[in-house]
Amino acid sequence: TGKIKCYEGKLNASGLRFAIVCARFNDIFVSQLLGGAVDCLLR
């Protein structure tokens, strides 16, 4: 109904700032995770 307030985030990263912390140990996998994260943010 119109009386219930619902908070829900949209997938719009425009104007937002992100820090990504990456562990170097197992970096062959972490680099893939980083690539996925950056690609998602840019998209």
PDB file of all heavy atoms in Angstrom:
ATOM      1  N   THR A   1       0.841  -1.193   0.000  1.00  0.00           N
ATOM      2  CA  THR A   1       0.000   0.000   0.000  1.00  0.00           C
ATOM      3  C   THR A   1       0.874   1.240   0.000  1.00  0.00           C
ATOM      4  O   THR A   1       2.071   1.180   0.270  1.00  0.00           O
ATOM      5  CB  THR A   1      -0.917   0.018   1.235  1.00  0.00           C
ATOM      6  OG1 THR A   1      -0.106   0.206   2.396  1.00  0.00           O
ATOM      7  CG2 THR A   1      -1.725  -1.252   1.340  1.00  0.00           C
ATOM      8  N   GLY A   2       0.282   2.363  -0.234  1.00  0.00           N
ATOM      9  CA  GLY A   2       1.003   3.621  -0.275  1.00  0.00           C
ATOM     10  C   GLY A   2       1.489   4.094   1.076  1.00  0.00           C
ATOM     11  O   GLY A   2       2.234   5.046   1.164  1.00  0.00           O
ATOM     12  N   LYS A   3       1.073   3.462   2.160  1.00  0.00           N
ATOM     13  CA  LYS A   3       1.444   3.908   3.507  1.00  0.00           C
ATOM     14  C   LYS A   3       2.739   3.272   4.013  1.00  0.00           C
ATOM     15  O   LYS A   3       3.325   3.748   4.967  1.00  0.00           O
ATOM     16  CB  LYS A   3       0.318   3.614   4.487  1.00  0.00           C
ATOM     17  CG  LYS A   3      -0.935   4.410   4.180  1.00  0.00           C
ATOM     18  CD  LYS A   3      -2.007   4.145   5.196  1.00  0.00           C
ATOM     19  CE  LYS A   3      -3.243   4.949   4.833  1.00  0.00           C
ATOM     20  NZ  LYS A   3      -4.257   4.880   5.870  1.00  0.00           N
ATOM     21  N   ILE A   4       3.179   2.211   3.392  1.00  0.00           N
ATOM     22  CA  ILE A   4       4.389   1.528   3.843  1.00  0.00           C
ATOM     23  C   ILE A   4       5.589   2.109   3.112  1.00  0.00           C
ATOM     24  O   ILE A   4       5.624   2.147   1.892  1.00  0.00           O
ATOM     25  CB  ILE A   4       4.300   0.013   3.589  1.00  0.00           C
ATOM     26  CG1 ILE A   4       3.152  -0.593   4.388  1.00  0.00           C
ATOM     27  CG2 ILE A   4       5.618  -0.656   3.937  1.00  0.00           C
ATOM     28  CD1 ILE A   4       2.893  -2.047   4.084  1.00  0.00           C
ATOM     29  N   LYS A   5       6.560   2.581   3.865  1.00  0.00           N
ATOM     30  CA  LYS A   5       7.777   3.135   3.278  1.00  0.00           C
ATOM     31  C   LYS A   5       8.766   2.000   3.058  1.00  0.00           C
ATOM     32  O   LYS A   5       9.052   1.229   3.967  1.00  0.00           O
ATOM     33  CB  LYS A   5       8.378   4.192   4.209  1.00  0.00           C
ATOM     34  CG  LYS A   5       9.631   4.826   3.693  1.00  0.00           C
ATOM     35  CD  LYS A   5       9.359   5.688   2.486  1.00  0.00           C
ATOM     36  CE  LYS A   5      10.637   6.381   2.048  1.00  0.00           C
ATOM     37  NZ  LYS A   5      10.531   6.992   0.756  1.00  0.00           N
ATOM     38  N   CYS A   6       9.262   1.894   1.863  1.00  0.00           N
ATOM     39  CA  CYS A   6      10.217   0.840   1.517  1.00  0.00           C
ATOM     40  C   CYS A   6      11.513   1.478   1.043  1.00  0.00           C
ATOM     41  O   CYS A   6      11.519   2.295   0.131  1.00  0.00           O
ATOM     42  CB  CYS A   6       9.626  -0.051   0.412  1.00  0.00           C
ATOM     43  SG  CYS A   6      10.734  -1.376  -0.095  1.00  0.00           S
ATOM     44  N   TYR A   7      12.619   1.112   1.675  1.00  0.00           N
ATOM     45  CA  TYR A   7      13.934   1.601   1.287  1.00  0.00           C
ATOM     46  C   TYR A   7      14.627   0.512   0.489  1.00  0.00           C
ATOM     47  O   TYR A   7      14.772  -0.618   0.953  1.00  0.00           O
ATOM     48  CB  TYR A   7      14.762   1.941   2.520  1.00  0.00           C
ATOM     49  CG  TYR A   7      14.134   2.992   3.396  1.00  0.00           C
ATOM     50  CD1 TYR A   7      13.486   2.645   4.570  1.00  0.00           C
ATOM     51  CD2 TYR A   7      14.173   4.329   3.022  1.00  0.00           C
ATOM     52  CE1 TYR A   7      12.904   3.608   5.374  1.00  0.00           C
ATOM     53  CE2 TYR A   7      13.584   5.302   3.819  1.00  0.00           C
ATOM     54  CZ  TYR A   7      12.956   4.937   4.989  1.00  0.00           C
ATOM     55  OH  TYR A   7      12.381   5.890   5.775  1.00  0.00           O
ATOM     56  N   GLU A   8      15.049   0.870  -0.692  1.00  0.00           N
ATOM     57  CA  GLU A   8      15.712  -0.115  -1.552  1.00  0.00           C
ATOM     58  C   GLU A   8      16.740   0.606  -2.408  1.00  0.00           C
ATOM     59  O   GLU A   8      16.435   1.621  -3.040  1.00  0.00           O
ATOM     60  CB  GLU A   8      14.674  -0.803  -2.434  1.00  0.00           C
ATOM     61  CG  GLU A   8      15.234  -1.928  -3.261  1.00  0.00           C
ATOM     62  CD  GLU A   8      14.155  -2.685  -4.023  1.00  0.00           C
ATOM     63  OE1 GLU A   8      12.989  -2.242  -4.026  1.00  0.00           O
ATOM     64  OE2 GLU A   8      14.498  -3.703  -4.614  1.00  0.00           O
ATOM     65  N   GLY A   9      17.956   0.072  -2.417  1.00  0.00           N
ATOM     66  CA  GLY A   9      19.022   0.690  -3.180  1.00  0.00           C
ATOM     67  C   GLY A   9      18.936   0.385  -4.659  1.00  0.00           C
ATOM     68  O   GLY A   9      18.567  -0.706  -5.059  1.00  0.00           O
ATOM     69  N   LYS A  10      19.278   1.374  -5.449  1.00  0.00           N
ATOM     70  CA  LYS A  10      19.331   1.206  -6.902  1.00  0.00           C
ATOM     71  C   LYS A  10      20.764   0.895  -7.310  1.00  0.00           C
ATOM     72  O   LYS A  10      21.712   1.243  -6.628  1.00  0.00           O
ATOM     73  CB  LYS A  10      18.855   2.484  -7.604  1.00  0.00           C
ATOM     74  CG  LYS A  10      17.467   2.931  -7.187  1.00  0.00           C
ATOM     75  CD  LYS A  10      16.401   1.938  -7.581  1.00  0.00           C
ATOM     76  CE  LYS A  10      15.030   2.452  -7.219  1.00  0.00           C
ATOM     77  NZ  LYS A  10      14.175   1.484  -6.610  1.00  0.00           N
ATOM     78  N   LEU A  11      20.916   0.270  -8.441  1.00  0.00           N
ATOM     79  CA  LEU A  11      22.249  -0.067  -8.947  1.00  0.00           C
ATOM     80  C   LEU A  11      22.760   1.050  -9.851  1.00  0.00           C
ATOM     81  O   LEU A  11      22.905   0.892 -11.058  1.00  0.00           O
ATOM     82  CB  LEU A  11      22.221  -1.408  -9.683  1.00  0.00           C
ATOM     83  CG  LEU A  11      22.033  -2.610  -8.765  1.00  0.00           C
ATOM     84  CD1 LEU A  11      21.940  -3.891  -9.572  1.00  0.00           C
ATOM     85  CD2 LEU A  11      23.177  -2.698  -7.765  1.00  0.00           C
ATOM     86  N   ASN A  12      23.041   2.197  -9.234  1.00  0.00           N
ATOM     87  CA  ASN A  12      23.569   3.347  -9.942  1.00  0.00           C
ATOM     88  C   ASN A  12      24.787   3.837  -9.169  1.00  0.00           C
ATOM     89  O   ASN A  12      24.658   4.392  -8.083  1.00  0.00           O
ATOM     90  CB  ASN A  12      22.509   4.440 -10.050  1.00  0.00           C
ATOM     91  CG  ASN A  12      23.025   5.665 -10.769  1.00  0.00           C
ATOM     92  OD1 ASN A  12      24.157   5.708 -11.235  1.00  0.00           O
ATOM     93  ND2 ASN A  12      22.186   6.689 -10.856  1.00  0.00           N
ATOM     94  N   ALA A  13      25.970   3.644  -9.727  1.00  0.00           N
ATOM     95  CA  ALA A  13      27.205   4.031  -9.055  1.00  0.00           C
ATOM     96  C   ALA A  13      27.706   5.404  -9.482  1.00  0.00           C
ATOM     97  O   ALA A  13      28.761   5.849  -9.034  1.00  0.00           O
ATOM     98  CB  ALA A  13      28.288   2.986  -9.324  1.00  0.00           C
ATOM     99  N   SER A  14      26.951   6.085 -10.316  1.00  0.00           N
ATOM    100  CA  SER A  14      27.353   7.399 -10.804  1.00  0.00           C
ATOM    101  C   SER A  14      27.505   8.380  -9.645  1.00  0.00           C
ATOM    102  O   SER A  14      26.612   8.520  -8.814  1.00  0.00           O
ATOM    103  CB  SER A  14      26.311   7.906 -11.802  1.00  0.00           C
ATOM    104  OG  SER A  14      26.691   9.170 -12.292  1.00  0.00           O
ATOM    105  N   GLY A  15      28.652   9.024  -9.577  1.00  0.00           N
ATOM    106  CA  GLY A  15      28.913  10.009  -8.537  1.00  0.00           C
ATOM    107  C   GLY A  15      29.347   9.422  -7.203  1.00  0.00           C
ATOM    108  O   GLY A  15      29.608  10.170  -6.267  1.00  0.00           O
ATOM    109  N   LEU A  16      29.435   8.102  -7.108  1.00  0.00           N
ATOM    110  CA  LEU A  16      29.843   7.461  -5.860  1.00  0.00           C
ATOM    111  C   LEU A  16      31.339   7.151  -5.900  1.00  0.00           C
ATOM    112  O   LEU A  16      31.914   6.936  -6.962  1.00  0.00           O
ATOM    113  CB  LEU A  16      29.042   6.175  -5.628  1.00  0.00           C
ATOM    114  CG  LEU A  16      27.527   6.336  -5.556  1.00  0.00           C
ATOM    115  CD1 LEU A  16      26.860   4.974  -5.363  1.00  0.00           C
ATOM    116  CD2 LEU A  16      27.131   7.300  -4.454  1.00  0.00           C
ATOM    117  N   ARG A  17      31.940   7.109  -4.717  1.00  0.00           N
ATOM    118  CA  ARG A  17      33.371   6.829  -4.601  1.00  0.00           C
ATOM    119  C   ARG A  17      33.575   5.534  -3.823  1.00  0.00           C
ATOM    120  O   ARG A  17      32.968   5.338  -2.766  1.00  0.00           O
ATOM    121  CB  ARG A  17      34.066   7.982  -3.899  1.00  0.00           C
ATOM    122  CG  ARG A  17      33.971   9.287  -4.705  1.00  0.00           C
ATOM    123  CD  ARG A  17      34.265  10.487  -3.864  1.00  0.00           C
ATOM    124  NE  ARG A  17      33.268  10.524  -2.788  1.00  0.00           N
ATOM    125  CZ  ARG A  17      33.470  11.084  -1.603  1.00  0.00           C
ATOM    126  NH1 ARG A  17      34.601  11.659  -1.318  1.00  0.00           N
ATOM    127  NH2 ARG A  17      32.527  11.079  -0.688  1.00  0.00           N
ATOM    128  N   PHE A  18      34.441   4.677  -4.342  1.00  0.00           N
ATOM    129  CA  PHE A  18      34.659   3.356  -3.759  1.00  0.00           C
ATOM    130  C   PHE A  18      36.135   3.112  -3.493  1.00  0.00           C
ATOM    131  O   PHE A  18      36.979   3.451  -4.319  1.00  0.00           O
ATOM    132  CB  PHE A  18      34.154   2.261  -4.709  1.00  0.00           C
ATOM    133  CG  PHE A  18      32.696   2.363  -5.007  1.00  0.00           C
ATOM    134  CD1 PHE A  18      32.244   3.079  -6.105  1.00  0.00           C
ATOM    135  CD2 PHE A  18      31.755   1.754  -4.184  1.00  0.00           C
ATOM    136  CE1 PHE A  18      30.893   3.186  -6.388  1.00  0.00           C
ATOM    137  CE2 PHE A  18      30.404   1.855  -4.454  1.00  0.00           C
ATOM    138  CZ  PHE A  18      29.970   2.576  -5.559  1.00  0.00           C
ATOM    139  N   ALA A  19      36.406   2.497  -2.354  1.00  0.00           N
ATOM    140  CA  ALA A  19      37.735   1.976  -2.064  1.00  0.00           C
ATOM    141  C   ALA A  19      37.630   0.459  -2.115  1.00  0.00           C
ATOM    142  O   ALA A  19      36.625  -0.114  -1.676  1.00  0.00           O
ATOM    143  CB  ALA A  19      38.216   2.422  -0.692  1.00  0.00           C
ATOM    144  N   ILE A  20      38.646  -0.172  -2.657  1.00  0.00           N
ATOM    145  CA  ILE A  20      38.689  -1.635  -2.709  1.00  0.00           C
ATOM    146  C   ILE A  20      39.982  -2.073  -2.047  1.00  0.00           C
ATOM    147  O   ILE A  20      41.064  -1.663  -2.453  1.00  0.00           O
ATOM    148  CB  ILE A  20      38.634  -2.158  -4.163  1.00  0.00           C
ATOM    149  CG1 ILE A  20      37.409  -1.607  -4.895  1.00  0.00           C
ATOM    150  CG2 ILE A  20      38.626  -3.684  -4.163  1.00  0.00           C
ATOM    151  CD1 ILE A  20      37.363  -1.962  -6.379  1.00  0.00           C
ATOM    152  N   VAL A  21      39.858  -2.893  -1.012  1.00  0.00           N
ATOM    153  CA  VAL A  21      41.023  -3.446  -0.325  1.00  0.00           C
ATOM    154  C   VAL A  21      41.208  -4.876  -0.820  1.00  0.00           C
ATOM    155  O   VAL A  21      40.270  -5.683  -0.768  1.00  0.00           O
ATOM    156  CB  VAL A  21      40.847  -3.443   1.209  1.00  0.00           C
ATOM    157  CG1 VAL A  21      42.101  -3.990   1.888  1.00  0.00           C
ATOM    158  CG2 VAL A  21      40.518  -2.049   1.712  1.00  0.00           C
ATOM    159  N   CYS A  22      42.403  -5.183  -1.298  1.00  0.00           N
ATOM    160  CA  CYS A  22      42.704  -6.505  -1.860  1.00  0.00           C
ATOM    161  C   CYS A  22      43.861  -7.154  -1.123  1.00  0.00           C
ATOM    162  O   CYS A  22      44.889  -6.517  -0.890  1.00  0.00           O
ATOM    163  CB  CYS A  22      43.100  -6.385  -3.334  1.00  0.00           C
ATOM    164  SG  CYS A  22      41.821  -5.724  -4.386  1.00  0.00           S
ATOM    165  N   ALA A  23      43.685  -8.420  -0.784  1.00  0.00           N
ATOM    166  CA  ALA A  23      44.761  -9.195  -0.169  1.00  0.00           C
ATOM    167  C   ALA A  23      45.676  -9.745  -1.265  1.00  0.00           C
ATOM    168  O   ALA A  23      45.197 -10.312  -2.242  1.00  0.00           O
ATOM    169  CB  ALA A  23      44.182 -10.336   0.653  1.00  0.00           C
ATOM    170  N   ARG A  24      46.971  -9.554  -1.098  1.00  0.00           N
ATOM    171  CA  ARG A  24      47.934 -10.039  -2.084  1.00  0.00           C
ATOM    172  C   ARG A  24      48.103 -11.566  -2.019  1.00  0.00           C
ATOM    173  O   ARG A  24      48.400 -12.205  -3.016  1.00  0.00           O
ATOM    174  CB  ARG A  24      49.275  -9.350  -1.872  1.00  0.00           C
ATOM    175  CG  ARG A  24      50.199  -9.487  -3.055  1.00  0.00           C
ATOM    176  CD  ARG A  24      51.474  -8.670  -2.913  1.00  0.00           C
ATOM    177  NE  ARG A  24      51.208  -7.242  -2.793  1.00  0.00           N
ATOM    178  CZ  ARG A  24      51.411  -6.534  -1.685  1.00  0.00           C
ATOM    179  NH1 ARG A  24      51.898  -7.096  -0.611  1.00  0.00           N
ATOM    180  NH2 ARG A  24      51.147  -5.249  -1.654  1.00  0.00           N
ATOM    181  N   PHE A  25      47.898 -12.151  -0.835  1.00  0.00           N
ATOM    182  CA  PHE A  25      48.010 -13.604  -0.700  1.00  0.00           C
ATOM    183  C   PHE A  25      46.911 -14.244  -1.550  1.00  0.00           C
ATOM    184  O   PHE A  25      45.773 -13.827  -1.507  1.00  0.00           O
ATOM    185  CB  PHE A  25      47.870 -14.008   0.769  1.00  0.00           C
ATOM    186  CG  PHE A  25      48.352 -15.396   1.052  1.00  0.00           C
ATOM    187  CD1 PHE A  25      49.704 -15.653   1.214  1.00  0.00           C
ATOM    188  CD2 PHE A  25      47.462 -16.443   1.145  1.00  0.00           C
ATOM    189  CE1 PHE A  25      50.155 -16.942   1.475  1.00  0.00           C
ATOM    190  CE2 PHE A  25      47.893 -17.726   1.405  1.00  0.00           C
ATOM    191  CZ  PHE A  25      49.249 -17.982   1.570  1.00  0.00           C
ATOM    192  N   ASN A  26      47.252 -15.233  -2.335  1.00  0.00           N
ATOM    193  CA  ASN A  26      46.339 -15.850  -3.312  1.00  0.00           C
ATOM    194  C   ASN A  26      45.920 -14.842  -4.384  1.00  0.00           C
ATOM    195  O   ASN A  26      44.792 -14.854  -4.865  1.00  0.00           O
ATOM    196  CB  ASN A  26      45.099 -16.456  -2.640  1.00  0.00           C
ATOM    197  CG  ASN A  26      45.426 -17.699  -1.851  1.00  0.00           C
ATOM    198  OD1 ASN A  26      46.237 -18.516  -2.269  1.00  0.00           O
ATOM    199  ND2 ASN A  26      44.803 -17.841  -0.701  1.00  0.00           N
ATOM    200  N   ASP A  27      46.864 -13.974  -4.758  1.00  0.00           N
ATOM    201  CA  ASP A  27      46.521 -12.890  -5.676  1.00  0.00           C
ATOM    202  C   ASP A  27      46.100 -13.351  -7.069  1.00  0.00           C
ATOM    203  O   ASP A  27      45.439 -12.606  -7.787  1.00  0.00           O
ATOM    204  CB  ASP A  27      47.647 -11.864  -5.774  1.00  0.00           C
ATOM    205  CG  ASP A  27      48.878 -12.370  -6.489  1.00  0.00           C
ATOM    206  OD1 ASP A  27      49.085 -13.592  -6.539  1.00  0.00           O
ATOM    207  OD2 ASP A  27      49.641 -11.523  -6.994  1.00  0.00           O
ATOM    208  N   ILE A  28      46.412 -14.561  -7.446  1.00  0.00           N
ATOM    209  CA  ILE A  28      45.934 -15.052  -8.733  1.00  0.00           C
ATOM    210  C   ILE A  28      44.403 -15.076  -8.755  1.00  0.00           C
ATOM    211  O   ILE A  28      43.775 -14.786  -9.778  1.00  0.00           O
ATOM    212  CB  ILE A  28      46.525 -16.442  -9.077  1.00  0.00           C
ATOM    213  CG1 ILE A  28      46.195 -16.809 -10.516  1.00  0.00           C
ATOM    214  CG2 ILE A  28      46.024 -17.503  -8.117  1.00  0.00           C
ATOM    215  CD1 ILE A  28      46.991 -18.008 -11.029  1.00  0.00           C
ATOM    216  N   PHE A  29      43.802 -15.356  -7.609  1.00  0.00           N
ATOM    217  CA  PHE A  29      42.347 -15.343  -7.490  1.00  0.00           C
ATOM    218  C   PHE A  29      41.825 -13.944  -7.147  1.00  0.00           C
ATOM    219  O   PHE A  29      40.808 -13.506  -7.676  1.00  0.00           O
ATOM    220  CB  PHE A  29      41.875 -16.341  -6.426  1.00  0.00           C
ATOM    221  CG  PHE A  29      42.354 -17.736  -6.672  1.00  0.00           C
ATOM    222  CD1 PHE A  29      43.221 -18.352  -5.788  1.00  0.00           C
ATOM    223  CD2 PHE A  29      41.954 -18.438  -7.797  1.00  0.00           C
ATOM    224  CE1 PHE A  29      43.667 -19.643  -6.016  1.00  0.00           C
ATOM    225  CE2 PHE A  29      42.399 -19.730  -8.038  1.00  0.00           C
ATOM    226  CZ  PHE A  29      43.260 -20.329  -7.146  1.00  0.00           C
ATOM    227  N   VAL A  30      42.530 -13.261  -6.274  1.00  0.00           N
ATOM    228  CA  VAL A  30      42.093 -11.932  -5.848  1.00  0.00           C
ATOM    229  C   VAL A  30      42.087 -10.965  -7.032  1.00  0.00           C
ATOM    230  O   VAL A  30      41.195 -10.122  -7.148  1.00  0.00           O
ATOM    231  CB  VAL A  30      42.960 -11.403  -4.683  1.00  0.00           C
ATOM    232  CG1 VAL A  30      42.539  -9.988  -4.287  1.00  0.00           C
ATOM    233  CG2 VAL A  30      42.872 -12.337  -3.482  1.00  0.00           C
ATOM    234  N   SER A  31      43.039 -11.093  -7.922  1.00  0.00           N
ATOM    235  CA  SER A  31      43.058 -10.243  -9.118  1.00  0.00           C
ATOM    236  C   SER A  31      41.801 -10.437  -9.960  1.00  0.00           C
ATOM    237  O   SER A  31      41.268  -9.478 -10.532  1.00  0.00           O
ATOM    238  CB  SER A  31      44.302 -10.528  -9.958  1.00  0.00           C
ATOM    239  OG  SER A  31      45.457 -10.147  -9.260  1.00  0.00           O
ATOM    240  N   GLN A  32      41.315 -11.667 -10.016  1.00  0.00           N
ATOM    241  CA  GLN A  32      40.068 -11.941 -10.734  1.00  0.00           C
ATOM    242  C   GLN A  32      38.876 -11.298 -10.014  1.00  0.00           C
ATOM    243  O   GLN A  32      37.969 -10.757 -10.658  1.00  0.00           O
ATOM    244  CB  GLN A  32      39.840 -13.449 -10.866  1.00  0.00           C
ATOM    245  CG  GLN A  32      40.869 -14.150 -11.724  1.00  0.00           C
ATOM    246  CD  GLN A  32      40.845 -13.655 -13.155  1.00  0.00           C
ATOM    247  OE1 GLN A  32      39.795 -13.529 -13.763  1.00  0.00           O
ATOM    248  NE2 GLN A  32      42.016 -13.354 -13.686  1.00  0.00           N
ATOM    249  N   LEU A  33      38.880 -11.366  -8.690  1.00  0.00           N
ATOM    250  CA  LEU A  33      37.821 -10.714  -7.911  1.00  0.00           C
ATOM    251  C   LEU A  33      37.851  -9.201  -8.133  1.00  0.00           C
ATOM    252  O   LEU A  33      36.804  -8.572  -8.322  1.00  0.00           O
ATOM    253  CB  LEU A  33      37.976 -11.019  -6.421  1.00  0.00           C
ATOM    254  CG  LEU A  33      37.871 -12.476  -5.991  1.00  0.00           C
ATOM    255  CD1 LEU A  33      38.145 -12.600  -4.495  1.00  0.00           C
ATOM    256  CD2 LEU A  33      36.530 -13.066  -6.347  1.00  0.00           C
ATOM    257  N   LEU A  34      39.041  -8.638  -8.112  1.00  0.00           N
ATOM    258  CA  LEU A  34      39.202  -7.205  -8.334  1.00  0.00           C
ATOM    259  C   LEU A  34      38.690  -6.813  -9.722  1.00  0.00           C
ATOM    260  O   LEU A  34      37.965  -5.824  -9.870  1.00  0.00           O
ATOM    261  CB  LEU A  34      40.664  -6.799  -8.170  1.00  0.00           C
ATOM    262  CG  LEU A  34      40.998  -5.341  -8.502  1.00  0.00           C
ATOM    263  CD1 LEU A  34      40.208  -4.385  -7.613  1.00  0.00           C
ATOM    264  CD2 LEU A  34      42.504  -5.124  -8.372  1.00  0.00           C
ATOM    265  N   GLY A  35      39.055  -7.595 -10.726  1.00  0.00           N
ATOM    266  CA  GLY A  35      38.567  -7.314 -12.076  1.00  0.00           C
ATOM    267  C   GLY A  35      37.054  -7.326 -12.145  1.00  0.00           C
ATOM    268  O   GLY A  35      36.438  -6.466 -12.780  1.00  0.00           O
ATOM    269  N   GLY A  36      36.437  -8.291 -11.477  1.00  0.00           N
ATOM    270  CA  GLY A  36      34.977  -8.364 -11.446  1.00  0.00           C
ATOM    271  C   GLY A  36      34.361  -7.174 -10.736  1.00  0.00           C
ATOM    272  O   GLY A  36      33.345  -6.631 -11.179  1.00  0.00           O
ATOM    273  N   ALA A  37      34.975  -6.747  -9.636  1.00  0.00           N
ATOM    274  CA  ALA A  37      34.452  -5.609  -8.875  1.00  0.00           C
ATOM    275  C   ALA A  37      34.547  -4.324  -9.679  1.00  0.00           C
ATOM    276  O   ALA A  37      33.575  -3.567  -9.786  1.00  0.00           O
ATOM    277  CB  ALA A  37      35.204  -5.476  -7.547  1.00  0.00           C
ATOM    278  N   VAL A  38      35.712  -4.066 -10.251  1.00  0.00           N
ATOM    279  CA  VAL A  38      35.903  -2.834 -11.030  1.00  0.00           C
ATOM    280  C   VAL A  38      34.975  -2.820 -12.240  1.00  0.00           C
ATOM    281  O   VAL A  38      34.333  -1.809 -12.533  1.00  0.00           O
ATOM    282  CB  VAL A  38      37.381  -2.668 -11.442  1.00  0.00           C
ATOM    283  CG1 VAL A  38      37.550  -1.541 -12.451  1.00  0.00           C
ATOM    284  CG2 VAL A  38      38.253  -2.424 -10.208  1.00  0.00           C
ATOM    285  N   ASP A  39      34.883  -3.937 -12.945  1.00  0.00           N
ATOM    286  CA  ASP A  39      33.989  -4.025 -14.095  1.00  0.00           C
ATOM    287  C   ASP A  39      32.551  -3.713 -13.692  1.00  0.00           C
ATOM    288  O   ASP A  39      31.853  -2.951 -14.364  1.00  0.00           O
ATOM    289  CB  ASP A  39      34.079  -5.414 -14.732  1.00  0.00           C
ATOM    290  CG  ASP A  39      33.160  -5.546 -15.927  1.00  0.00           C
ATOM    291  OD1 ASP A  39      33.381  -4.846 -16.937  1.00  0.00           O
ATOM    292  OD2 ASP A  39      32.219  -6.369 -15.859  1.00  0.00           O
ATOM    293  N   CYS A  40      32.107  -4.257 -12.581  1.00  0.00           N
ATOM    294  CA  CYS A  40      30.748  -4.026 -12.097  1.00  0.00           C
ATOM    295  C   CYS A  40      30.531  -2.542 -11.777  1.00  0.00           C
ATOM    296  O   CYS A  40      29.513  -1.961 -12.168  1.00  0.00           O
ATOM    297  CB  CYS A  40      30.480  -4.880 -10.865  1.00  0.00           C
ATOM    298  SG  CYS A  40      28.858  -4.607 -10.121  1.00  0.00           S
ATOM    299  N   LEU A  41      31.471  -1.939 -11.066  1.00  0.00           N
ATOM    300  CA  LEU A  41      31.329  -0.524 -10.708  1.00  0.00           C
ATOM    301  C   LEU A  41      31.253   0.345 -11.960  1.00  0.00           C
ATOM    302  O   LEU A  41      30.405   1.236 -12.061  1.00  0.00           O
ATOM    303  CB  LEU A  41      32.497  -0.084  -9.818  1.00  0.00           C
ATOM    304  CG  LEU A  41      32.578  -0.732  -8.442  1.00  0.00           C
ATOM    305  CD1 LEU A  41      33.876  -0.337  -7.742  1.00  0.00           C
ATOM    306  CD2 LEU A  41      31.371  -0.385  -7.593  1.00  0.00           C
ATOM    307  N   LEU A  42      32.133   0.087 -12.921  1.00  0.00           N
ATOM    308  CA  LEU A  42      32.145   0.881 -14.152  1.00  0.00           C
ATOM    309  C   LEU A  42      30.871   0.679 -14.965  1.00  0.00           C
ATOM    310  O   LEU A  42      30.308   1.628 -15.515  1.00  0.00           O
ATOM    311  CB  LEU A  42      33.380   0.543 -14.987  1.00  0.00           C
ATOM    312  CG  LEU A  42      34.731   0.897 -14.364  1.00  0.00           C
ATOM    313  CD1 LEU A  42      35.877   0.402 -15.240  1.00  0.00           C
ATOM    314  CD2 LEU A  42      34.848   2.399 -14.112  1.00  0.00           C
ATOM    315  N   ARG A  43      30.405  -0.550 -15.036  1.00  0.00           N
ATOM    316  CA  ARG A  43      29.172  -0.838 -15.789  1.00  0.00           C
ATOM    317  C   ARG A  43      27.951  -0.151 -15.183  1.00  0.00           C
ATOM    318  O   ARG A  43      26.972   0.114 -15.884  1.00  0.00           O
ATOM    319  CB  ARG A  43      28.912  -2.343 -15.840  1.00  0.00           C
ATOM    320  CG  ARG A  43      29.797  -3.086 -16.791  1.00  0.00           C
ATOM    321  CD  ARG A  43      29.504  -4.587 -16.718  1.00  0.00           C
ATOM    322  NE  ARG A  43      30.415  -5.339 -17.523  1.00  0.00           N
ATOM    323  CZ  ARG A  43      30.129  -5.776 -18.747  1.00  0.00           C
ATOM    324  NH1 ARG A  43      28.959  -5.529 -19.277  1.00  0.00           N
ATOM    325  NH2 ARG A  43      31.027  -6.466 -19.429  1.00  0.00           N
TER     326      ARG A  43
END
